Full PDB file with SEQRES, HELIX, SHEET, SSBOND, CRYST1, ORIGX, SCALE, CONECT and MASTER records, all heavy atoms in Angstrom:
SEQRES   1 A   30  THR GLU VAL MET VAL LEU LYS GLY TYR ILE ASP PHE TYR          
SEQRES   2 A   30  ASN THR HIS LYS GLU TYR THR LYS GLU GLN LEU TYR LYS          
SEQRES   3 A   30  ASP TYR TYR GLY                                              
HELIX    1 AA1 GLU A    2  THR A   15  1                                  14    
HELIX    2 AA2 LYS A   21  TYR A   29  1                                   9    
CRYST1    1.000    1.000    1.000  90.00  90.00  90.00 P 1           1          
ORIGX1      1.000000  0.000000  0.000000        0.00000                         
ORIGX2      0.000000  1.000000  0.000000        0.00000                         
ORIGX3      0.000000  0.000000  1.000000        0.00000                         
SCALE1      1.000000  0.000000  0.000000        0.00000                         
SCALE2      0.000000  1.000000  0.000000        0.00000                         
SCALE3      0.000000  0.000000  1.000000        0.00000                         
ATOM      1  N   THR A   1       5.632   1.055   3.374  1.00  0.00           N  
ATOM      2  CA  THR A   1       4.920   1.715   4.450  1.00  0.00           C  
ATOM      3  C   THR A   1       5.108   3.226   4.320  1.00  0.00           C  
ATOM      4  O   THR A   1       4.185   4.026   4.396  1.00  0.00           O  
ATOM      5  CB  THR A   1       5.391   1.179   5.798  1.00  0.00           C  
ATOM      6  OG1 THR A   1       5.146  -0.212   5.877  1.00  0.00           O  
ATOM      7  CG2 THR A   1       4.586   1.907   6.912  1.00  0.00           C  
ATOM      8  N   GLU A   2       6.326   3.638   4.112  1.00  0.00           N  
ATOM      9  CA  GLU A   2       6.701   5.053   4.026  1.00  0.00           C  
ATOM     10  C   GLU A   2       5.924   5.680   2.809  1.00  0.00           C  
ATOM     11  O   GLU A   2       5.366   6.790   2.999  1.00  0.00           O  
ATOM     12  CB  GLU A   2       8.192   5.204   3.799  1.00  0.00           C  
ATOM     13  CG  GLU A   2       8.715   6.593   3.909  1.00  0.00           C  
ATOM     14  CD  GLU A   2       8.650   7.188   5.296  1.00  0.00           C  
ATOM     15  OE1 GLU A   2       8.710   6.399   6.283  1.00  0.00           O  
ATOM     16  OE2 GLU A   2       8.525   8.397   5.418  1.00  0.00           O  
ATOM     17  N   VAL A   3       5.910   4.988   1.715  1.00  0.00           N  
ATOM     18  CA  VAL A   3       5.150   5.512   0.551  1.00  0.00           C  
ATOM     19  C   VAL A   3       3.651   5.683   0.852  1.00  0.00           C  
ATOM     20  O   VAL A   3       2.998   6.674   0.537  1.00  0.00           O  
ATOM     21  CB  VAL A   3       5.432   4.618  -0.665  1.00  0.00           C  
ATOM     22  CG1 VAL A   3       4.433   5.008  -1.793  1.00  0.00           C  
ATOM     23  CG2 VAL A   3       6.839   4.790  -1.159  1.00  0.00           C  
ATOM     24  N   MET A   4       3.110   4.646   1.527  1.00  0.00           N  
ATOM     25  CA  MET A   4       1.679   4.730   1.896  1.00  0.00           C  
ATOM     26  C   MET A   4       1.379   5.892   2.784  1.00  0.00           C  
ATOM     27  O   MET A   4       0.366   6.597   2.648  1.00  0.00           O  
ATOM     28  CB  MET A   4       1.222   3.380   2.574  1.00  0.00           C  
ATOM     29  CG  MET A   4       0.965   2.291   1.578  1.00  0.00           C  
ATOM     30  SD  MET A   4       0.624   0.703   2.367  1.00  0.00           S  
ATOM     31  CE  MET A   4      -0.589   1.153   3.668  1.00  0.00           C  
ATOM     32  N   VAL A   5       2.213   6.066   3.792  1.00  0.00           N  
ATOM     33  CA  VAL A   5       2.034   7.194   4.733  1.00  0.00           C  
ATOM     34  C   VAL A   5       2.149   8.541   4.003  1.00  0.00           C  
ATOM     35  O   VAL A   5       1.248   9.390   4.201  1.00  0.00           O  
ATOM     36  CB  VAL A   5       3.111   7.111   5.866  1.00  0.00           C  
ATOM     37  CG1 VAL A   5       3.145   8.409   6.714  1.00  0.00           C  
ATOM     38  CG2 VAL A   5       2.843   5.916   6.735  1.00  0.00           C  
ATOM     39  N   LEU A   6       3.150   8.678   3.230  1.00  0.00           N  
ATOM     40  CA  LEU A   6       3.320   9.941   2.480  1.00  0.00           C  
ATOM     41  C   LEU A   6       2.136  10.161   1.519  1.00  0.00           C  
ATOM     42  O   LEU A   6       1.641  11.259   1.397  1.00  0.00           O  
ATOM     43  CB  LEU A   6       4.663   9.950   1.683  1.00  0.00           C  
ATOM     44  CG  LEU A   6       4.942  11.205   0.895  1.00  0.00           C  
ATOM     45  CD1 LEU A   6       4.901  12.407   1.747  1.00  0.00           C  
ATOM     46  CD2 LEU A   6       6.338  11.069   0.227  1.00  0.00           C  
ATOM     47  N   LYS A   7       1.679   9.112   0.807  1.00  0.00           N  
ATOM     48  CA  LYS A   7       0.598   9.268  -0.067  1.00  0.00           C  
ATOM     49  C   LYS A   7      -0.693   9.695   0.661  1.00  0.00           C  
ATOM     50  O   LYS A   7      -1.475  10.515   0.197  1.00  0.00           O  
ATOM     51  CB  LYS A   7       0.373   7.969  -0.800  1.00  0.00           C  
ATOM     52  CG  LYS A   7      -0.742   8.031  -1.868  1.00  0.00           C  
ATOM     53  CD  LYS A   7      -0.769   6.777  -2.714  1.00  0.00           C  
ATOM     54  CE  LYS A   7      -1.814   6.754  -3.844  1.00  0.00           C  
ATOM     55  NZ  LYS A   7      -2.790   7.763  -3.786  1.00  0.00           N  
ATOM     56  N   GLY A   8      -0.839   9.161   1.900  1.00  0.00           N  
ATOM     57  CA  GLY A   8      -1.960   9.559   2.693  1.00  0.00           C  
ATOM     58  C   GLY A   8      -1.953  11.055   3.024  1.00  0.00           C  
ATOM     59  O   GLY A   8      -2.956  11.730   2.916  1.00  0.00           O  
ATOM     60  N   TYR A   9      -0.781  11.546   3.406  1.00  0.00           N  
ATOM     61  CA  TYR A   9      -0.610  13.000   3.700  1.00  0.00           C  
ATOM     62  C   TYR A   9      -0.960  13.817   2.384  1.00  0.00           C  
ATOM     63  O   TYR A   9      -1.642  14.845   2.457  1.00  0.00           O  
ATOM     64  CB  TYR A   9       0.773  13.352   4.176  1.00  0.00           C  
ATOM     65  CG  TYR A   9       0.983  13.111   5.595  1.00  0.00           C  
ATOM     66  CD1 TYR A   9       1.873  12.124   6.089  1.00  0.00           C  
ATOM     67  CD2 TYR A   9       0.327  13.902   6.590  1.00  0.00           C  
ATOM     68  CE1 TYR A   9       2.062  11.915   7.389  1.00  0.00           C  
ATOM     69  CE2 TYR A   9       0.505  13.681   7.916  1.00  0.00           C  
ATOM     70  CZ  TYR A   9       1.367  12.697   8.339  1.00  0.00           C  
ATOM     71  OH  TYR A   9       1.574  12.514   9.660  1.00  0.00           O  
ATOM     72  N   ILE A  10      -0.351  13.382   1.293  1.00  0.00           N  
ATOM     73  CA  ILE A  10      -0.557  14.085   0.008  1.00  0.00           C  
ATOM     74  C   ILE A  10      -2.034  14.126  -0.421  1.00  0.00           C  
ATOM     75  O   ILE A  10      -2.567  15.140  -0.799  1.00  0.00           O  
ATOM     76  CB  ILE A  10       0.358  13.575  -1.054  1.00  0.00           C  
ATOM     77  CG1 ILE A  10       1.827  13.910  -0.706  1.00  0.00           C  
ATOM     78  CG2 ILE A  10       0.005  14.073  -2.474  1.00  0.00           C  
ATOM     79  CD1 ILE A  10       2.812  13.166  -1.519  1.00  0.00           C  
ATOM     80  N   ASP A  11      -2.698  12.976  -0.328  1.00  0.00           N  
ATOM     81  CA  ASP A  11      -4.063  12.862  -0.729  1.00  0.00           C  
ATOM     82  C   ASP A  11      -4.913  13.783   0.209  1.00  0.00           C  
ATOM     83  O   ASP A  11      -5.895  14.405  -0.266  1.00  0.00           O  
ATOM     84  CB  ASP A  11      -4.570  11.385  -0.637  1.00  0.00           C  
ATOM     85  CG  ASP A  11      -3.986  10.543  -1.752  1.00  0.00           C  
ATOM     86  OD1 ASP A  11      -3.431  11.049  -2.684  1.00  0.00           O  
ATOM     87  OD2 ASP A  11      -4.131   9.337  -1.631  1.00  0.00           O  
ATOM     88  N   PHE A  12      -4.609  13.757   1.470  1.00  0.00           N  
ATOM     89  CA  PHE A  12      -5.346  14.578   2.459  1.00  0.00           C  
ATOM     90  C   PHE A  12      -5.186  16.038   2.131  1.00  0.00           C  
ATOM     91  O   PHE A  12      -6.145  16.849   2.027  1.00  0.00           O  
ATOM     92  CB  PHE A  12      -4.877  14.307   3.896  1.00  0.00           C  
ATOM     93  CG  PHE A  12      -5.723  14.968   4.907  1.00  0.00           C  
ATOM     94  CD1 PHE A  12      -6.882  14.379   5.362  1.00  0.00           C  
ATOM     95  CD2 PHE A  12      -5.349  16.196   5.473  1.00  0.00           C  
ATOM     96  CE1 PHE A  12      -7.685  14.993   6.323  1.00  0.00           C  
ATOM     97  CE2 PHE A  12      -6.141  16.814   6.462  1.00  0.00           C  
ATOM     98  CZ  PHE A  12      -7.320  16.208   6.843  1.00  0.00           C  
ATOM     99  N   TYR A  13      -3.918  16.433   1.842  1.00  0.00           N  
ATOM    100  CA  TYR A  13      -3.682  17.875   1.469  1.00  0.00           C  
ATOM    101  C   TYR A  13      -4.407  18.250   0.223  1.00  0.00           C  
ATOM    102  O   TYR A  13      -5.071  19.323   0.148  1.00  0.00           O  
ATOM    103  CB  TYR A  13      -2.122  18.079   1.225  1.00  0.00           C  
ATOM    104  CG  TYR A  13      -1.871  19.426   0.636  1.00  0.00           C  
ATOM    105  CD1 TYR A  13      -1.648  20.496   1.510  1.00  0.00           C  
ATOM    106  CD2 TYR A  13      -1.739  19.611  -0.704  1.00  0.00           C  
ATOM    107  CE1 TYR A  13      -1.402  21.762   1.006  1.00  0.00           C  
ATOM    108  CE2 TYR A  13      -1.455  20.896  -1.233  1.00  0.00           C  
ATOM    109  CZ  TYR A  13      -1.335  21.958  -0.388  1.00  0.00           C  
ATOM    110  OH  TYR A  13      -1.059  23.226  -0.894  1.00  0.00           O  
ATOM    111  N   ASN A  14      -4.439  17.335  -0.792  1.00  0.00           N  
ATOM    112  CA  ASN A  14      -5.040  17.687  -2.107  1.00  0.00           C  
ATOM    113  C   ASN A  14      -6.538  17.726  -2.005  1.00  0.00           C  
ATOM    114  O   ASN A  14      -7.209  18.213  -2.950  1.00  0.00           O  
ATOM    115  CB  ASN A  14      -4.558  16.745  -3.154  1.00  0.00           C  
ATOM    116  CG  ASN A  14      -3.112  16.982  -3.543  1.00  0.00           C  
ATOM    117  OD1 ASN A  14      -2.637  18.118  -3.414  1.00  0.00           O  
ATOM    118  ND2 ASN A  14      -2.394  15.954  -3.967  1.00  0.00           N  
ATOM    119  N   THR A  15      -7.158  17.200  -0.899  1.00  0.00           N  
ATOM    120  CA  THR A  15      -8.622  17.154  -0.841  1.00  0.00           C  
ATOM    121  C   THR A  15      -9.178  18.041   0.344  1.00  0.00           C  
ATOM    122  O   THR A  15     -10.359  18.133   0.528  1.00  0.00           O  
ATOM    123  CB  THR A  15      -9.120  15.747  -0.652  1.00  0.00           C  
ATOM    124  OG1 THR A  15      -8.486  15.138   0.474  1.00  0.00           O  
ATOM    125  CG2 THR A  15      -8.789  14.925  -1.885  1.00  0.00           C  
ATOM    126  N   HIS A  16      -8.309  18.669   1.122  1.00  0.00           N  
ATOM    127  CA  HIS A  16      -8.700  19.499   2.268  1.00  0.00           C  
ATOM    128  C   HIS A  16      -8.097  20.900   2.162  1.00  0.00           C  
ATOM    129  O   HIS A  16      -6.932  21.039   2.422  1.00  0.00           O  
ATOM    130  CB  HIS A  16      -8.354  18.853   3.569  1.00  0.00           C  
ATOM    131  CG  HIS A  16      -9.070  17.585   3.854  1.00  0.00           C  
ATOM    132  ND1 HIS A  16      -8.804  16.379   3.194  1.00  0.00           N  
ATOM    133  CD2 HIS A  16     -10.061  17.322   4.715  1.00  0.00           C  
ATOM    134  CE1 HIS A  16      -9.616  15.416   3.692  1.00  0.00           C  
ATOM    135  NE2 HIS A  16     -10.340  15.971   4.572  1.00  0.00           N  
ATOM    136  N   LYS A  17      -9.004  21.813   1.744  1.00  0.00           N  
ATOM    137  CA  LYS A  17      -8.512  23.187   1.528  1.00  0.00           C  
ATOM    138  C   LYS A  17      -7.872  23.805   2.762  1.00  0.00           C  
ATOM    139  O   LYS A  17      -6.989  24.692   2.623  1.00  0.00           O  
ATOM    140  CB  LYS A  17      -9.723  24.042   1.001  1.00  0.00           C  
ATOM    141  CG  LYS A  17      -9.264  25.226   0.140  1.00  0.00           C  
ATOM    142  CD  LYS A  17     -10.481  25.983  -0.391  1.00  0.00           C  
ATOM    143  CE  LYS A  17     -11.316  25.108  -1.238  1.00  0.00           C  
ATOM    144  NZ  LYS A  17     -11.935  25.765  -2.420  1.00  0.00           N  
ATOM    145  N   GLU A  18      -8.377  23.483   3.928  1.00  0.00           N  
ATOM    146  CA  GLU A  18      -7.948  24.130   5.122  1.00  0.00           C  
ATOM    147  C   GLU A  18      -6.596  23.583   5.634  1.00  0.00           C  
ATOM    148  O   GLU A  18      -6.000  24.133   6.538  1.00  0.00           O  
ATOM    149  CB  GLU A  18      -8.968  24.022   6.230  1.00  0.00           C  
ATOM    150  CG  GLU A  18      -9.184  22.587   6.827  1.00  0.00           C  
ATOM    151  CD  GLU A  18      -9.976  21.637   5.978  1.00  0.00           C  
ATOM    152  OE1 GLU A  18     -10.445  21.985   4.912  1.00  0.00           O  
ATOM    153  OE2 GLU A  18     -10.098  20.445   6.368  1.00  0.00           O  
ATOM    154  N   TYR A  19      -6.119  22.478   5.086  1.00  0.00           N  
ATOM    155  CA  TYR A  19      -4.864  21.871   5.506  1.00  0.00           C  
ATOM    156  C   TYR A  19      -3.683  22.577   4.728  1.00  0.00           C  
ATOM    157  O   TYR A  19      -3.620  22.418   3.541  1.00  0.00           O  
ATOM    158  CB  TYR A  19      -4.910  20.416   5.203  1.00  0.00           C  
ATOM    159  CG  TYR A  19      -3.783  19.545   5.782  1.00  0.00           C  
ATOM    160  CD1 TYR A  19      -3.535  19.561   7.117  1.00  0.00           C  
ATOM    161  CD2 TYR A  19      -2.985  18.763   5.010  1.00  0.00           C  
ATOM    162  CE1 TYR A  19      -2.567  18.776   7.719  1.00  0.00           C  
ATOM    163  CE2 TYR A  19      -1.917  18.019   5.522  1.00  0.00           C  
ATOM    164  CZ  TYR A  19      -1.754  18.025   6.853  1.00  0.00           C  
ATOM    165  OH  TYR A  19      -0.745  17.246   7.433  1.00  0.00           O  
ATOM    166  N   THR A  20      -2.843  23.284   5.420  1.00  0.00           N  
ATOM    167  CA  THR A  20      -1.848  24.076   4.737  1.00  0.00           C  
ATOM    168  C   THR A  20      -0.628  23.215   4.382  1.00  0.00           C  
ATOM    169  O   THR A  20      -0.343  22.181   4.985  1.00  0.00           O  
ATOM    170  CB  THR A  20      -1.339  25.228   5.623  1.00  0.00           C  
ATOM    171  OG1 THR A  20      -0.644  24.652   6.784  1.00  0.00           O  
ATOM    172  CG2 THR A  20      -2.506  26.128   6.090  1.00  0.00           C  
ATOM    173  N   LYS A  21       0.102  23.650   3.404  1.00  0.00           N  
ATOM    174  CA  LYS A  21       1.330  22.977   2.974  1.00  0.00           C  
ATOM    175  C   LYS A  21       2.349  22.993   4.139  1.00  0.00           C  
ATOM    176  O   LYS A  21       2.999  21.965   4.320  1.00  0.00           O  
ATOM    177  CB  LYS A  21       1.914  23.708   1.754  1.00  0.00           C  
ATOM    178  CG  LYS A  21       3.080  22.984   1.124  1.00  0.00           C  
ATOM    179  CD  LYS A  21       3.903  23.790   0.116  1.00  0.00           C  
ATOM    180  CE  LYS A  21       3.014  24.427  -0.927  1.00  0.00           C  
ATOM    181  NZ  LYS A  21       3.868  25.192  -1.896  1.00  0.00           N  
ATOM    182  N   GLU A  22       2.404  24.082   4.858  1.00  0.00           N  
ATOM    183  CA  GLU A  22       3.332  24.112   5.992  1.00  0.00           C  
ATOM    184  C   GLU A  22       2.956  23.075   7.022  1.00  0.00           C  
ATOM    185  O   GLU A  22       3.810  22.408   7.577  1.00  0.00           O  
ATOM    186  CB  GLU A  22       3.259  25.515   6.597  1.00  0.00           C  
ATOM    187  CG  GLU A  22       4.283  25.717   7.681  1.00  0.00           C  
ATOM    188  CD  GLU A  22       4.227  27.193   8.197  1.00  0.00           C  
ATOM    189  OE1 GLU A  22       4.848  28.095   7.557  1.00  0.00           O  
ATOM    190  OE2 GLU A  22       3.644  27.444   9.216  1.00  0.00           O  
ATOM    191  N   GLN A  23       1.661  22.848   7.286  1.00  0.00           N  
ATOM    192  CA  GLN A  23       1.261  21.869   8.238  1.00  0.00           C  
ATOM    193  C   GLN A  23       1.571  20.451   7.750  1.00  0.00           C  
ATOM    194  O   GLN A  23       1.985  19.613   8.518  1.00  0.00           O  
ATOM    195  CB  GLN A  23      -0.296  21.999   8.491  1.00  0.00           C  
ATOM    196  CG  GLN A  23      -0.790  21.137   9.598  1.00  0.00           C  
ATOM    197  CD  GLN A  23      -0.145  21.531  10.968  1.00  0.00           C  
ATOM    198  OE1 GLN A  23      -0.155  22.692  11.308  1.00  0.00           O  
ATOM    199  NE2 GLN A  23       0.425  20.550  11.681  1.00  0.00           N  
ATOM    200  N   LEU A  24       1.423  20.213   6.450  1.00  0.00           N  
ATOM    201  CA  LEU A  24       1.813  18.903   5.889  1.00  0.00           C  
ATOM    202  C   LEU A  24       3.249  18.626   6.167  1.00  0.00           C  
ATOM    203  O   LEU A  24       3.602  17.534   6.612  1.00  0.00           O  
ATOM    204  CB  LEU A  24       1.518  18.838   4.415  1.00  0.00           C  
ATOM    205  CG  LEU A  24       1.785  17.520   3.646  1.00  0.00           C  
ATOM    206  CD1 LEU A  24       0.814  17.349   2.566  1.00  0.00           C  
ATOM    207  CD2 LEU A  24       3.190  17.421   3.187  1.00  0.00           C  
ATOM    208  N   TYR A  25       4.117  19.601   5.902  1.00  0.00           N  
ATOM    209  CA  TYR A  25       5.537  19.399   6.113  1.00  0.00           C  
ATOM    210  C   TYR A  25       5.819  19.175   7.584  1.00  0.00           C  
ATOM    211  O   TYR A  25       6.645  18.307   7.953  1.00  0.00           O  
ATOM    212  CB  TYR A  25       6.383  20.590   5.604  1.00  0.00           C  
ATOM    213  CG  TYR A  25       6.675  20.542   4.123  1.00  0.00           C  
ATOM    214  CD1 TYR A  25       5.739  20.908   3.157  1.00  0.00           C  
ATOM    215  CD2 TYR A  25       7.888  20.137   3.688  1.00  0.00           C  
ATOM    216  CE1 TYR A  25       5.960  20.850   1.790  1.00  0.00           C  
ATOM    217  CE2 TYR A  25       8.194  20.125   2.275  1.00  0.00           C  
ATOM    218  CZ  TYR A  25       7.191  20.394   1.390  1.00  0.00           C  
ATOM    219  OH  TYR A  25       7.479  20.380   0.028  1.00  0.00           O  
ATOM    220  N   LYS A  26       5.197  19.924   8.484  1.00  0.00           N  
ATOM    221  CA  LYS A  26       5.407  19.757   9.926  1.00  0.00           C  
ATOM    222  C   LYS A  26       4.963  18.326  10.336  1.00  0.00           C  
ATOM    223  O   LYS A  26       5.678  17.688  11.119  1.00  0.00           O  
ATOM    224  CB  LYS A  26       4.604  20.743  10.720  1.00  0.00           C  
ATOM    225  CG  LYS A  26       5.192  22.142  10.698  1.00  0.00           C  
ATOM    226  CD  LYS A  26       4.287  23.095  11.538  1.00  0.00           C  
ATOM    227  CE  LYS A  26       4.871  24.509  11.486  1.00  0.00           C  
ATOM    228  NZ  LYS A  26       3.977  25.440  12.175  1.00  0.00           N  
ATOM    229  N   ASP A  27       3.823  17.856   9.872  1.00  0.00           N  
ATOM    230  CA  ASP A  27       3.274  16.588  10.262  1.00  0.00           C  
ATOM    231  C   ASP A  27       4.132  15.410   9.710  1.00  0.00           C  
ATOM    232  O   ASP A  27       4.419  14.438  10.409  1.00  0.00           O  
ATOM    233  CB  ASP A  27       1.815  16.370   9.737  1.00  0.00           C  
ATOM    234  CG  ASP A  27       0.853  17.253  10.425  1.00  0.00           C  
ATOM    235  OD1 ASP A  27       1.212  17.798  11.515  1.00  0.00           O  
ATOM    236  OD2 ASP A  27      -0.293  17.414   9.935  1.00  0.00           O  
ATOM    237  N   TYR A  28       4.612  15.543   8.483  1.00  0.00           N  
ATOM    238  CA  TYR A  28       5.372  14.438   7.846  1.00  0.00           C  
ATOM    239  C   TYR A  28       6.833  14.441   8.290  1.00  0.00           C  
ATOM    240  O   TYR A  28       7.298  13.336   8.635  1.00  0.00           O  
ATOM    241  CB  TYR A  28       5.293  14.560   6.330  1.00  0.00           C  
ATOM    242  CG  TYR A  28       5.940  13.377   5.651  1.00  0.00           C  
ATOM    243  CD1 TYR A  28       5.445  12.111   5.786  1.00  0.00           C  
ATOM    244  CD2 TYR A  28       7.108  13.537   4.918  1.00  0.00           C  
ATOM    245  CE1 TYR A  28       6.051  11.030   5.234  1.00  0.00           C  
ATOM    246  CE2 TYR A  28       7.728  12.473   4.352  1.00  0.00           C  
ATOM    247  CZ  TYR A  28       7.184  11.180   4.473  1.00  0.00           C  
ATOM    248  OH  TYR A  28       7.832  10.110   3.891  1.00  0.00           O  
ATOM    249  N   TYR A  29       7.486  15.589   8.298  1.00  0.00           N  
ATOM    250  CA  TYR A  29       8.901  15.585   8.608  1.00  0.00           C  
ATOM    251  C   TYR A  29       9.209  15.811  10.114  1.00  0.00           C  
ATOM    252  O   TYR A  29      10.351  15.632  10.478  1.00  0.00           O  
ATOM    253  CB  TYR A  29       9.600  16.678   7.752  1.00  0.00           C  
ATOM    254  CG  TYR A  29       9.696  16.266   6.323  1.00  0.00           C  
ATOM    255  CD1 TYR A  29       9.053  17.059   5.335  1.00  0.00           C  
ATOM    256  CD2 TYR A  29      10.465  15.230   5.869  1.00  0.00           C  
ATOM    257  CE1 TYR A  29       9.173  16.732   4.003  1.00  0.00           C  
ATOM    258  CE2 TYR A  29      10.570  14.910   4.516  1.00  0.00           C  
ATOM    259  CZ  TYR A  29       9.868  15.667   3.615  1.00  0.00           C  
ATOM    260  OH  TYR A  29       9.996  15.358   2.312  1.00  0.00           O  
ATOM    261  N   GLY A  30       8.276  16.269  10.908  1.00  0.00           N  
ATOM    262  CA  GLY A  30       8.561  16.439  12.290  1.00  0.00           C  
ATOM    263  C   GLY A  30       9.474  17.641  12.470  1.00  0.00           C  
ATOM    264  O   GLY A  30       9.337  18.700  11.783  1.00  0.00           O  
TER     265      GLY A  30                                                      
MASTER        0    0    0    2    0    0    0    6  264    1    0    3          
END                                                                             
């Protein structure tokens, strides 16, 4: 489950130019 969730965040980041790396870290790690 953890891998699926992380992969979802990574795929979203890699396909959405407006989604920042900082935002990904905030969303995933809290």
